[in-house]
Protein backbone atom coordinates (compact mmCIF):
# COMPACT_ATOMS: atom_id res chain seq x y z
CA SER A 1 -4.66 10.88 -23.55
CA VAL A 2 -4.70 12.28 -20.03
CA LYS A 3 -7.21 15.06 -19.40
CA ALA A 4 -5.94 18.15 -17.71
CA PRO A 5 -7.85 19.22 -14.60
CA ILE A 6 -10.76 21.50 -15.45
CA LYS A 7 -10.86 24.86 -13.76
CA GLU A 8 -14.09 25.38 -11.84
CA GLN A 9 -14.48 28.82 -10.30
CA GLY A 10 -10.78 29.15 -9.75
CA ARG A 11 -10.34 25.59 -8.40
CA CYS A 12 -9.18 22.50 -10.19
CA ASP A 13 -11.54 19.55 -10.73
CA THR A 14 -9.88 17.51 -7.96
CA HIS A 15 -10.72 20.13 -5.34
CA ALA A 16 -14.29 20.46 -6.65
CA ARG A 17 -14.78 16.66 -6.32
CA ALA A 18 -13.36 16.73 -2.79
CA GLU A 19 -15.77 19.52 -1.87
CA ARG A 20 -18.75 17.59 -3.30
CA GLY A 21 -17.62 14.54 -1.31
CA SER A 22 -17.42 16.69 1.76
CA LEU A 23 -21.01 17.89 1.16
CA TRP A 24 -22.12 14.27 0.86
CA GLU A 25 -20.44 13.46 4.16
CA LYS A 26 -22.20 16.45 5.73
CA ARG A 27 -25.56 15.18 4.45
CA GLU A 28 -24.87 11.75 5.91
CA ALA A 29 -23.86 13.31 9.21
CA MET A 30 -27.07 15.39 9.27
CA SER A 31 -29.11 12.26 8.55
CA SER A 32 -27.38 10.53 11.45
CA VAL A 33 -28.10 13.51 13.73
CA LYS A 34 -31.79 13.46 12.71
CA ALA A 35 -31.97 9.74 13.48
CA SER A 36 -30.37 10.36 16.89
CA ILE A 37 -32.86 13.14 17.64
CA THR A 38 -35.73 10.81 16.71
CA LYS A 39 -34.36 8.15 19.09
CA ILE A 40 -34.03 10.71 21.87
CA LYS A 41 -37.61 11.93 21.36
CA LYS A 42 -38.88 8.34 21.41
CA ALA A 43 -36.91 7.61 24.59
CA ALA A 44 -38.24 10.79 26.22
CA LYS A 45 -41.81 9.85 25.31
CA THR A 46 -41.28 6.36 26.76
CA GLU A 47 -39.75 7.88 29.89
CA ILE A 48 -42.80 10.12 30.34
CA GLU A 49 -45.10 7.10 29.90
CA ASP A 50 -42.97 5.10 32.35
CA ARG A 51 -43.41 7.75 35.04
CA ARG A 52 -47.12 8.11 34.45
CA LYS A 53 -49.27 7.21 37.41
CA PHE A 54 -51.74 4.51 36.55
CA LYS A 55 -54.97 4.44 38.52
CA SER A 56 -55.98 0.87 37.71
CA MET A 57 -54.79 -2.36 36.13
CA GLU A 58 -57.15 -1.70 33.20
CA GLU A 59 -55.35 1.59 32.59
CA PHE A 60 -51.91 0.01 33.00
CA PHE A 61 -52.36 -3.14 30.88
CA PRO A 62 -52.30 -1.48 27.40
CA PHE A 63 -48.99 0.16 28.37
CA TYR A 64 -47.76 -3.23 29.61
CA LEU A 65 -48.68 -4.93 26.33
CA LYS A 66 -46.90 -2.22 24.33
CA GLU A 67 -43.77 -2.92 26.38
CA HIS A 68 -44.12 -6.62 25.44
CA SER A 69 -44.70 -6.35 21.70
CA ASN A 70 -41.65 -8.46 20.78
CA ARG A 71 -42.69 -12.10 20.38
CA THR A 72 -39.43 -13.53 21.77
CA ASN A 73 -39.79 -11.33 24.85
CA ARG A 74 -43.34 -12.63 25.39
CA ARG A 75 -42.16 -16.22 24.94
CA LEU A 76 -39.43 -15.71 27.53
CA HIS A 77 -42.03 -14.24 29.90
CA VAL A 78 -44.25 -17.29 29.44
CA ILE A 79 -41.33 -19.68 30.02
CA GLY A 80 -40.22 -17.68 33.06
CA SER A 81 -43.70 -17.44 34.58
CA LEU A 82 -44.45 -21.14 34.10
CA SER A 83 -41.01 -22.12 35.42
CA ALA A 84 -41.48 -19.87 38.44
CA LEU A 85 -44.90 -21.37 39.12
CA LEU A 86 -43.57 -24.92 38.79
CA SER A 87 -40.61 -24.22 41.07
CA LEU A 88 -42.94 -22.61 43.64
CA ILE A 89 -45.15 -25.71 43.65
CA VAL A 90 -42.13 -28.02 44.08
CA ILE A 91 -40.77 -25.87 46.93
CA LEU A 92 -44.13 -25.76 48.74
CA LEU A 93 -44.80 -29.49 48.33
CA SER A 94 -41.29 -30.46 49.44
CA GLY A 95 -41.30 -28.04 52.38
CA SER A 96 -38.01 -26.49 51.24
CA PHE A 97 -39.09 -23.00 52.22
CA GLN A 98 -35.52 -21.69 52.30
CA TYR A 99 -35.70 -21.72 48.49
CA LEU A 100 -38.74 -19.46 48.19
CA PHE A 101 -36.56 -16.83 46.49
CA VAL A 102 -35.86 -19.15 43.53
CA PRO A 103 -39.19 -18.61 41.69
CA LEU A 104 -38.55 -14.85 41.66
CA ILE A 105 -35.07 -15.29 40.21
CA VAL A 106 -36.28 -17.79 37.61
CA GLY A 107 -39.32 -15.75 36.56
CA TYR A 108 -37.66 -12.36 36.44
CA GLY A 109 -34.46 -13.81 34.96
CA PHE A 110 -36.24 -14.97 31.81
CA ALA A 111 -38.34 -11.79 31.63
CA TRP A 112 -35.39 -9.43 31.98
CA VAL A 113 -33.38 -11.26 29.32
CA GLY A 114 -36.37 -10.71 27.05
CA HIS A 115 -36.48 -7.01 27.81
CA PHE A 116 -32.76 -6.23 27.66
CA PHE A 117 -31.80 -8.36 24.64
CA PHE A 118 -34.94 -8.61 22.50
CA GLU A 119 -37.44 -5.87 23.37
CA LYS A 120 -34.55 -3.49 24.20
CA ASN A 121 -36.44 -1.60 26.88
CA LYS A 122 -36.50 -1.41 30.67
CA PRO A 123 -38.84 -3.81 32.43
CA ALA A 124 -41.97 -2.14 33.79
CA THR A 125 -41.14 -3.86 37.09
CA PHE A 126 -38.70 -1.08 37.95
CA LYS A 127 -41.33 1.66 37.93
CA HIS A 128 -44.60 -0.23 38.41
CA PRO A 129 -43.75 -3.41 40.35
CA PHE A 130 -47.25 -4.44 41.44
CA TYR A 131 -49.04 -3.71 38.19
CA SER A 132 -46.19 -5.33 36.28
CA PHE A 133 -46.39 -8.50 38.37
CA ALA A 134 -50.15 -8.68 37.79
CA GLY A 135 -49.58 -7.90 34.10
CA ASP A 136 -47.22 -10.88 33.79
CA TRP A 137 -49.96 -13.25 34.93
CA LYS A 138 -52.67 -11.56 32.88
CA MET A 139 -50.49 -11.76 29.77
CA LEU A 140 -49.68 -15.43 30.53
CA TYR A 141 -53.41 -16.19 30.74
CA GLN A 142 -54.05 -14.38 27.47
CA VAL A 143 -51.20 -16.21 25.72
CA LEU A 144 -52.36 -19.61 27.02
CA SER A 145 -55.95 -18.87 26.03
CA GLY A 146 -54.87 -17.81 22.52
CA LYS A 147 -55.90 -14.17 22.85
CA ILE A 148 -52.27 -13.02 22.38
CA PRO A 149 -49.97 -14.87 19.93
CA PHE A 150 -47.21 -17.00 21.45
């Protein structure tokens, strides 16, 4: 037998179900909004840290390591730094000084792929170029010496 729609506060059961579904959709939308707000707060905090003025490499390096917490990003930095160093040596030994720009492209190319596609953040190079460059080599040393996992 087919059940007749039940009256619920002057509405039939079909309308009541639609309203409950609508409330569920509203809850999901609110959850999505809360997640977006959390992302915005996190981005704002990162932006504030990015603009912070560091007084020394010792002060900068913990920030640098936080920006390189993704293992694939670190691996790409190591590959890029070693490739840049190798290409620099080859260029200097061969006397092909017109190619001195190549180590920068190689090194930063690998590093930026790591940041944009794996770490999903902006490279520190954009806001702190000198500390970031020094941080690359310090991190490379720490990875090669086993202090930081490769």
